[in-house]
């Protein structure tokens, strides 16, 4: 894989994840890497980085692999791109495991238990193809019509 993007979200720092991805880029697993590091203390040495941006979609689109902290909003943005993604839950953040477990079981993402296991999941992602996400049909208009009638 040539380009990796890592995002830690905006709620809590996740220095151990950024450090591990920085090491993987330094080891040559990727030609290029970009990280959204939030309020983290660790400043990457091999990754390009920034703290926050309003829209991460341009980074998702150019990445070959996305590594995320496991936030529900981020996961749903990523799976709509069809990109390979690994979710690594942040132990220092509020985390709802149900969403990441479900998305992993259904083949949309890979779920890595901690940054120290990331190398294994990156290697696994090389031969893995994520399931295409099809959002359920919106039925809000039908509910509104029933309410109005």
N, C-alpha and C. Protein backbone atom coordinates (compact mmCIF):
# COMPACT_ATOMS: atom_id res chain seq x y z
N UNK A 1 0.85 -1.19 0.00
CA UNK A 1 0.00 0.00 0.00
C UNK A 1 0.89 1.24 0.00
N UNK A 2 0.39 2.25 -0.62
CA UNK A 2 1.23 3.43 -0.75
C UNK A 2 0.89 4.55 0.21
N UNK A 3 -0.38 4.79 0.51
CA UNK A 3 -0.73 5.93 1.36
C UNK A 3 -1.68 5.52 2.47
N UNK A 4 -1.35 5.98 3.66
CA UNK A 4 -2.16 5.68 4.85
C UNK A 4 -2.63 7.00 5.45
N UNK A 5 -3.85 6.99 5.97
CA UNK A 5 -4.37 8.15 6.71
C UNK A 5 -4.85 7.65 8.06
N UNK A 6 -4.45 8.32 9.11
CA UNK A 6 -4.90 7.96 10.46
C UNK A 6 -5.62 9.15 11.07
N UNK A 7 -6.73 8.87 11.73
CA UNK A 7 -7.49 9.91 12.40
C UNK A 7 -7.82 9.47 13.83
N UNK A 8 -7.59 10.37 14.77
CA UNK A 8 -7.86 10.06 16.18
C UNK A 8 -9.12 10.75 16.69
N UNK A 9 -9.78 11.51 15.84
CA UNK A 9 -11.00 12.19 16.27
C UNK A 9 -10.70 13.47 17.03
N UNK A 10 -11.73 14.00 17.65
CA UNK A 10 -11.59 15.28 18.34
C UNK A 10 -11.84 15.20 19.84
N UNK A 11 -12.22 14.03 20.34
CA UNK A 11 -12.60 13.93 21.74
C UNK A 11 -11.43 13.66 22.69
N UNK A 12 -10.49 12.82 22.28
CA UNK A 12 -9.38 12.46 23.17
C UNK A 12 -8.14 12.19 22.33
N UNK A 13 -6.99 12.48 22.89
CA UNK A 13 -5.75 12.16 22.17
C UNK A 13 -5.56 10.65 22.13
N UNK A 14 -4.76 10.21 21.19
CA UNK A 14 -4.49 8.78 21.03
C UNK A 14 -3.05 8.63 20.54
N UNK A 15 -2.13 9.09 21.38
CA UNK A 15 -0.72 9.12 21.01
C UNK A 15 -0.17 7.74 20.68
N UNK A 16 -0.61 6.70 21.38
CA UNK A 16 -0.07 5.37 21.10
C UNK A 16 -0.40 4.91 19.68
N UNK A 17 -1.57 5.29 19.17
CA UNK A 17 -1.93 4.94 17.80
C UNK A 17 -1.07 5.72 16.80
N UNK A 18 -0.94 7.01 17.01
CA UNK A 18 -0.15 7.84 16.10
C UNK A 18 1.31 7.38 16.11
N UNK A 19 1.84 7.05 17.29
CA UNK A 19 3.22 6.58 17.38
C UNK A 19 3.41 5.27 16.59
N UNK A 20 2.46 4.37 16.71
CA UNK A 20 2.57 3.08 16.01
C UNK A 20 2.51 3.27 14.50
N UNK A 21 1.60 4.10 14.01
CA UNK A 21 1.51 4.35 12.58
C UNK A 21 2.78 5.06 12.10
N UNK A 22 3.29 5.99 12.87
CA UNK A 22 4.54 6.67 12.53
C UNK A 22 5.67 5.65 12.37
N UNK A 23 5.71 4.68 13.26
CA UNK A 23 6.73 3.63 13.20
C UNK A 23 6.55 2.78 11.93
N UNK A 24 5.30 2.43 11.60
CA UNK A 24 5.05 1.63 10.41
C UNK A 24 5.48 2.36 9.13
N UNK A 25 5.25 3.66 9.08
CA UNK A 25 5.70 4.45 7.94
C UNK A 25 7.23 4.47 7.93
N UNK A 26 7.84 4.66 9.10
CA UNK A 26 9.30 4.66 9.20
C UNK A 26 9.91 3.33 8.79
N UNK A 27 9.19 2.23 9.03
CA UNK A 27 9.66 0.90 8.65
C UNK A 27 9.45 0.60 7.17
N UNK A 28 8.81 1.51 6.45
CA UNK A 28 8.63 1.34 5.02
C UNK A 28 7.37 0.60 4.59
N UNK A 29 6.42 0.38 5.51
CA UNK A 29 5.18 -0.29 5.12
C UNK A 29 4.33 0.57 4.19
N UNK A 30 4.55 1.87 4.23
CA UNK A 30 3.82 2.82 3.40
C UNK A 30 4.79 3.83 2.83
N UNK A 31 4.49 4.29 1.62
CA UNK A 31 5.31 5.33 1.02
C UNK A 31 5.03 6.69 1.65
N UNK A 32 3.78 6.88 2.06
CA UNK A 32 3.36 8.18 2.59
C UNK A 32 2.29 7.98 3.63
N UNK A 33 2.27 8.85 4.63
CA UNK A 33 1.24 8.80 5.64
C UNK A 33 0.88 10.20 6.11
N UNK A 34 -0.39 10.37 6.42
CA UNK A 34 -0.90 11.63 6.97
C UNK A 34 -1.70 11.29 8.21
N UNK A 35 -1.55 12.11 9.25
CA UNK A 35 -2.25 11.85 10.50
C UNK A 35 -2.98 13.10 10.98
N UNK A 36 -4.20 12.89 11.45
CA UNK A 36 -4.94 13.90 12.18
C UNK A 36 -4.72 13.53 13.64
N UNK A 37 -3.94 14.35 14.36
CA UNK A 37 -3.49 13.99 15.71
C UNK A 37 -4.29 14.64 16.84
N UNK A 38 -5.25 15.49 16.51
CA UNK A 38 -6.05 16.12 17.56
C UNK A 38 -5.19 16.86 18.56
N UNK A 39 -5.48 16.66 19.83
CA UNK A 39 -4.74 17.33 20.90
C UNK A 39 -3.57 16.49 21.44
N UNK A 40 -3.14 15.53 20.65
CA UNK A 40 -2.07 14.65 21.09
C UNK A 40 -0.77 15.38 21.37
N UNK A 41 0.03 14.80 22.23
CA UNK A 41 1.35 15.36 22.56
C UNK A 41 2.43 14.88 21.60
N UNK A 42 2.25 13.65 21.10
CA UNK A 42 3.26 13.08 20.21
C UNK A 42 3.19 13.74 18.84
N UNK A 43 4.32 14.25 18.39
CA UNK A 43 4.42 14.86 17.07
C UNK A 43 5.11 13.85 16.15
N UNK A 44 4.43 13.40 15.11
CA UNK A 44 5.01 12.39 14.22
C UNK A 44 6.29 12.85 13.55
N UNK A 45 7.16 11.89 13.33
CA UNK A 45 8.44 12.17 12.68
C UNK A 45 8.42 11.78 11.20
N UNK A 46 7.65 10.77 10.83
CA UNK A 46 7.60 10.29 9.45
C UNK A 46 6.28 10.63 8.76
N UNK A 47 5.25 10.88 9.52
CA UNK A 47 3.93 11.21 8.98
C UNK A 47 3.80 12.72 8.80
N UNK A 48 3.13 13.13 7.73
CA UNK A 48 2.63 14.50 7.68
C UNK A 48 1.50 14.55 8.70
N UNK A 49 1.25 15.70 9.30
CA UNK A 49 0.21 15.73 10.32
C UNK A 49 -0.46 17.09 10.41
N UNK A 50 -1.63 17.07 11.02
CA UNK A 50 -2.36 18.28 11.37
C UNK A 50 -3.22 17.94 12.59
N UNK A 51 -3.68 18.93 13.27
CA UNK A 51 -4.48 18.68 14.48
C UNK A 51 -5.95 18.46 14.14
N UNK A 52 -6.56 19.41 13.48
CA UNK A 52 -7.99 19.31 13.15
C UNK A 52 -8.26 19.91 11.78
N UNK A 53 -9.24 19.37 11.10
CA UNK A 53 -9.78 19.95 9.87
C UNK A 53 -11.28 19.68 9.91
N UNK A 54 -12.02 20.58 9.32
CA UNK A 54 -13.48 20.44 9.31
C UNK A 54 -13.94 19.22 8.52
N UNK A 55 -13.27 18.95 7.40
CA UNK A 55 -13.69 17.88 6.50
C UNK A 55 -12.51 16.94 6.24
N UNK A 56 -12.66 15.67 6.61
CA UNK A 56 -11.61 14.68 6.40
C UNK A 56 -11.81 13.88 5.11
N UNK A 57 -12.92 14.08 4.43
CA UNK A 57 -13.22 13.30 3.23
C UNK A 57 -12.11 13.35 2.18
N UNK A 58 -11.47 14.50 1.92
CA UNK A 58 -10.37 14.49 0.93
C UNK A 58 -9.23 13.54 1.33
N UNK A 59 -8.98 13.41 2.61
CA UNK A 59 -7.93 12.51 3.09
C UNK A 59 -8.36 11.05 2.96
N UNK A 60 -9.63 10.78 3.26
CA UNK A 60 -10.15 9.42 3.08
C UNK A 60 -10.02 9.00 1.62
N UNK A 61 -10.37 9.89 0.72
CA UNK A 61 -10.39 9.56 -0.71
C UNK A 61 -9.00 9.27 -1.27
N UNK A 62 -7.98 9.95 -0.77
CA UNK A 62 -6.64 9.72 -1.32
C UNK A 62 -5.90 8.57 -0.64
N UNK A 63 -6.41 8.08 0.48
CA UNK A 63 -5.73 7.02 1.22
C UNK A 63 -6.01 5.64 0.62
N UNK A 64 -5.00 4.78 0.70
CA UNK A 64 -5.19 3.37 0.36
C UNK A 64 -5.73 2.61 1.56
N UNK A 65 -5.38 3.08 2.75
CA UNK A 65 -5.83 2.47 4.00
C UNK A 65 -6.08 3.57 5.01
N UNK A 66 -7.19 3.46 5.73
CA UNK A 66 -7.54 4.44 6.76
C UNK A 66 -7.52 3.72 8.10
N UNK A 67 -6.88 4.35 9.07
CA UNK A 67 -6.89 3.82 10.43
C UNK A 67 -7.58 4.85 11.30
N UNK A 68 -8.58 4.41 12.05
CA UNK A 68 -9.40 5.32 12.83
C UNK A 68 -9.49 4.88 14.28
N UNK A 69 -9.87 5.81 15.12
CA UNK A 69 -10.01 5.56 16.56
C UNK A 69 -11.28 4.78 16.90
N UNK A 70 -12.16 4.57 15.98
CA UNK A 70 -13.35 3.76 16.22
C UNK A 70 -14.59 4.55 16.56
N UNK A 71 -14.59 5.85 16.36
CA UNK A 71 -15.79 6.64 16.60
C UNK A 71 -16.86 6.34 15.56
N UNK A 72 -18.10 6.29 15.99
CA UNK A 72 -19.20 5.91 15.09
C UNK A 72 -19.31 6.85 13.89
N UNK A 73 -19.25 8.14 14.11
CA UNK A 73 -19.38 9.09 13.00
C UNK A 73 -18.29 8.89 11.97
N UNK A 74 -17.07 8.70 12.44
CA UNK A 74 -15.95 8.50 11.53
C UNK A 74 -16.11 7.19 10.77
N UNK A 75 -16.50 6.14 11.44
CA UNK A 75 -16.67 4.85 10.78
C UNK A 75 -17.72 4.94 9.67
N UNK A 76 -18.84 5.60 9.94
CA UNK A 76 -19.88 5.70 8.92
C UNK A 76 -19.43 6.56 7.74
N UNK A 77 -18.61 7.58 7.99
CA UNK A 77 -18.06 8.35 6.87
C UNK A 77 -17.14 7.47 6.02
N UNK A 78 -16.29 6.71 6.69
CA UNK A 78 -15.30 5.89 5.99
C UNK A 78 -15.96 4.78 5.18
N UNK A 79 -16.90 4.06 5.75
CA UNK A 79 -17.46 2.91 5.02
C UNK A 79 -18.21 3.35 3.77
N UNK A 80 -18.67 4.58 3.75
CA UNK A 80 -19.34 5.07 2.54
C UNK A 80 -18.36 5.31 1.39
N UNK A 81 -17.07 5.41 1.71
CA UNK A 81 -16.07 5.61 0.66
C UNK A 81 -15.68 4.29 0.00
N UNK A 82 -15.93 3.17 0.68
CA UNK A 82 -15.51 1.87 0.16
C UNK A 82 -14.05 1.57 0.38
N UNK A 83 -13.36 2.41 1.14
CA UNK A 83 -11.93 2.23 1.39
C UNK A 83 -11.68 1.19 2.47
N UNK A 84 -10.49 0.60 2.42
CA UNK A 84 -10.06 -0.31 3.48
C UNK A 84 -9.86 0.52 4.75
N UNK A 85 -10.36 -0.01 5.87
CA UNK A 85 -10.24 0.73 7.12
C UNK A 85 -10.03 -0.23 8.28
N UNK A 86 -9.22 0.24 9.21
CA UNK A 86 -8.99 -0.48 10.46
C UNK A 86 -9.39 0.43 11.60
N UNK A 87 -10.26 -0.06 12.47
CA UNK A 87 -10.66 0.69 13.66
C UNK A 87 -9.87 0.17 14.85
N UNK A 88 -9.27 1.09 15.60
CA UNK A 88 -8.52 0.75 16.81
C UNK A 88 -9.16 1.55 17.94
N UNK A 89 -9.91 0.91 18.82
CA UNK A 89 -10.59 1.65 19.89
C UNK A 89 -9.61 2.39 20.80
N UNK A 90 -9.96 3.61 21.12
CA UNK A 90 -9.15 4.43 22.02
C UNK A 90 -9.61 4.17 23.46
N UNK A 91 -8.73 3.60 24.30
CA UNK A 91 -9.13 3.30 25.68
C UNK A 91 -9.38 4.54 26.54
N UNK A 92 -8.93 5.71 26.06
CA UNK A 92 -9.09 6.95 26.81
C UNK A 92 -10.29 7.77 26.35
N UNK A 93 -11.14 7.17 25.53
CA UNK A 93 -12.28 7.90 24.98
C UNK A 93 -13.56 7.11 25.25
N UNK A 94 -14.66 7.79 25.16
CA UNK A 94 -15.95 7.11 25.26
C UNK A 94 -16.06 6.23 24.02
N UNK A 95 -16.35 4.98 24.22
CA UNK A 95 -16.33 4.03 23.12
C UNK A 95 -17.54 3.12 23.21
N UNK A 96 -18.28 3.03 22.11
CA UNK A 96 -19.41 2.12 22.02
C UNK A 96 -18.97 0.96 21.12
N UNK A 97 -18.58 -0.17 21.72
CA UNK A 97 -18.04 -1.27 20.91
C UNK A 97 -19.05 -1.91 19.97
N UNK A 98 -20.35 -1.75 20.23
CA UNK A 98 -21.36 -2.41 19.40
C UNK A 98 -21.23 -2.06 17.92
N UNK A 99 -20.99 -0.79 17.62
CA UNK A 99 -20.93 -0.36 16.23
C UNK A 99 -19.70 -0.94 15.53
N UNK A 100 -18.54 -0.83 16.17
CA UNK A 100 -17.32 -1.34 15.52
C UNK A 100 -17.36 -2.85 15.39
N UNK A 101 -17.88 -3.53 16.39
CA UNK A 101 -17.98 -4.99 16.32
C UNK A 101 -18.92 -5.39 15.18
N UNK A 102 -20.08 -4.74 15.10
CA UNK A 102 -21.04 -5.06 14.03
C UNK A 102 -20.45 -4.77 12.65
N UNK A 103 -19.82 -3.63 12.48
CA UNK A 103 -19.25 -3.28 11.18
C UNK A 103 -18.12 -4.23 10.80
N UNK A 104 -17.37 -4.69 11.79
CA UNK A 104 -16.29 -5.65 11.54
C UNK A 104 -16.86 -7.02 11.17
N UNK A 105 -17.82 -7.49 11.93
CA UNK A 105 -18.44 -8.80 11.64
C UNK A 105 -19.09 -8.84 10.26
N UNK A 106 -19.61 -7.69 9.84
CA UNK A 106 -20.29 -7.63 8.54
C UNK A 106 -19.32 -7.35 7.39
N UNK A 107 -18.03 -7.18 7.71
CA UNK A 107 -17.01 -7.06 6.66
C UNK A 107 -16.75 -5.67 6.13
N UNK A 108 -17.23 -4.63 6.82
CA UNK A 108 -17.00 -3.26 6.35
C UNK A 108 -15.65 -2.70 6.79
N UNK A 109 -15.19 -3.12 7.97
CA UNK A 109 -13.93 -2.66 8.54
C UNK A 109 -13.22 -3.84 9.19
N UNK A 110 -11.95 -3.63 9.50
CA UNK A 110 -11.22 -4.57 10.34
C UNK A 110 -11.13 -3.95 11.73
N UNK A 111 -11.28 -4.74 12.75
CA UNK A 111 -11.25 -4.25 14.13
C UNK A 111 -9.98 -4.75 14.81
N UNK A 112 -9.10 -3.83 15.13
CA UNK A 112 -7.83 -4.13 15.78
C UNK A 112 -7.96 -3.79 17.27
N UNK A 113 -7.64 -4.72 18.17
CA UNK A 113 -7.87 -4.48 19.59
C UNK A 113 -6.99 -3.40 20.23
N UNK A 114 -5.78 -3.19 19.70
CA UNK A 114 -4.91 -2.16 20.27
C UNK A 114 -3.81 -1.79 19.27
N UNK A 115 -3.19 -0.62 19.46
CA UNK A 115 -2.13 -0.21 18.53
C UNK A 115 -0.99 -1.23 18.41
N UNK A 116 -0.69 -1.96 19.45
CA UNK A 116 0.43 -2.91 19.37
C UNK A 116 0.15 -4.07 18.42
N UNK A 117 -1.11 -4.29 18.04
CA UNK A 117 -1.47 -5.33 17.07
C UNK A 117 -1.64 -4.79 15.65
N UNK A 118 -1.37 -3.51 15.47
CA UNK A 118 -1.69 -2.85 14.21
C UNK A 118 -0.93 -3.43 13.02
N UNK A 119 0.34 -3.75 13.19
CA UNK A 119 1.14 -4.28 12.07
C UNK A 119 0.44 -5.51 11.47
N UNK A 120 -0.03 -6.41 12.33
CA UNK A 120 -0.72 -7.62 11.86
C UNK A 120 -1.94 -7.24 11.03
N UNK A 121 -2.73 -6.28 11.49
CA UNK A 121 -3.96 -5.91 10.79
C UNK A 121 -3.66 -5.16 9.48
N UNK A 122 -2.58 -4.39 9.46
CA UNK A 122 -2.17 -3.72 8.22
C UNK A 122 -1.79 -4.78 7.18
N UNK A 123 -1.04 -5.78 7.60
CA UNK A 123 -0.66 -6.85 6.67
C UNK A 123 -1.90 -7.63 6.21
N UNK A 124 -2.83 -7.86 7.12
CA UNK A 124 -4.08 -8.55 6.77
C UNK A 124 -4.90 -7.73 5.78
N UNK A 125 -4.88 -6.42 5.93
CA UNK A 125 -5.67 -5.54 5.05
C UNK A 125 -5.18 -5.59 3.61
N UNK A 126 -3.94 -5.95 3.40
CA UNK A 126 -3.38 -5.99 2.04
C UNK A 126 -4.20 -6.89 1.12
N UNK A 127 -4.59 -8.06 1.59
CA UNK A 127 -5.36 -8.98 0.76
C UNK A 127 -6.85 -8.98 1.02
N UNK A 128 -7.32 -8.00 1.77
CA UNK A 128 -8.73 -7.94 2.17
C UNK A 128 -9.48 -6.89 1.36
N UNK A 129 -10.71 -7.19 1.01
CA UNK A 129 -11.57 -6.22 0.32
C UNK A 129 -12.78 -5.96 1.20
N UNK A 130 -13.03 -4.70 1.56
CA UNK A 130 -14.20 -4.42 2.40
C UNK A 130 -15.50 -4.62 1.65
N UNK A 131 -16.50 -5.00 2.39
CA UNK A 131 -17.84 -5.14 1.84
C UNK A 131 -18.37 -3.76 1.46
N UNK A 132 -19.07 -3.68 0.36
CA UNK A 132 -19.65 -2.40 -0.07
C UNK A 132 -20.83 -2.05 0.82
N UNK A 133 -20.84 -0.83 1.33
CA UNK A 133 -21.92 -0.39 2.22
C UNK A 133 -23.08 0.16 1.40
N UNK A 134 -24.25 -0.35 1.67
CA UNK A 134 -25.48 0.16 1.07
C UNK A 134 -26.35 0.69 2.20
N UNK A 135 -26.50 2.00 2.31
CA UNK A 135 -27.33 2.53 3.39
C UNK A 135 -28.77 2.06 3.27
N UNK A 136 -29.43 1.83 4.40
CA UNK A 136 -30.83 1.42 4.33
C UNK A 136 -31.67 2.54 3.72
N UNK A 137 -32.77 2.17 3.07
CA UNK A 137 -33.61 3.21 2.48
C UNK A 137 -34.20 4.12 3.56
N UNK A 138 -34.27 5.38 3.24
CA UNK A 138 -34.83 6.36 4.17
C UNK A 138 -36.35 6.27 4.15
N UNK A 139 -36.94 6.17 5.33
CA UNK A 139 -38.40 6.06 5.42
C UNK A 139 -39.02 7.22 6.21
N UNK A 140 -38.22 8.24 6.44
CA UNK A 140 -38.71 9.37 7.23
C UNK A 140 -39.93 10.01 6.56
N UNK A 141 -39.89 10.15 5.24
CA UNK A 141 -41.02 10.78 4.54
C UNK A 141 -42.32 9.98 4.75
N UNK A 142 -42.21 8.66 4.80
CA UNK A 142 -43.40 7.83 5.03
C UNK A 142 -43.94 8.03 6.45
N UNK A 143 -43.08 8.17 7.40
CA UNK A 143 -43.48 8.40 8.79
C UNK A 143 -44.17 9.76 8.91
N UNK A 144 -43.63 10.76 8.24
CA UNK A 144 -44.22 12.10 8.29
C UNK A 144 -45.61 12.08 7.64
N UNK A 145 -45.74 11.42 6.51
CA UNK A 145 -47.04 11.34 5.84
C UNK A 145 -48.06 10.65 6.73
N UNK A 146 -47.69 9.55 7.37
CA UNK A 146 -48.62 8.85 8.29
C UNK A 146 -49.05 9.79 9.42
N UNK A 147 -48.10 10.56 9.93
CA UNK A 147 -48.40 11.46 11.03
C UNK A 147 -49.37 12.56 10.58
N UNK A 148 -49.18 13.04 9.37
CA UNK A 148 -50.01 14.13 8.87
C UNK A 148 -51.42 13.68 8.46
N UNK A 149 -51.56 12.43 8.12
CA UNK A 149 -52.87 11.95 7.65
C UNK A 149 -53.76 11.54 8.76
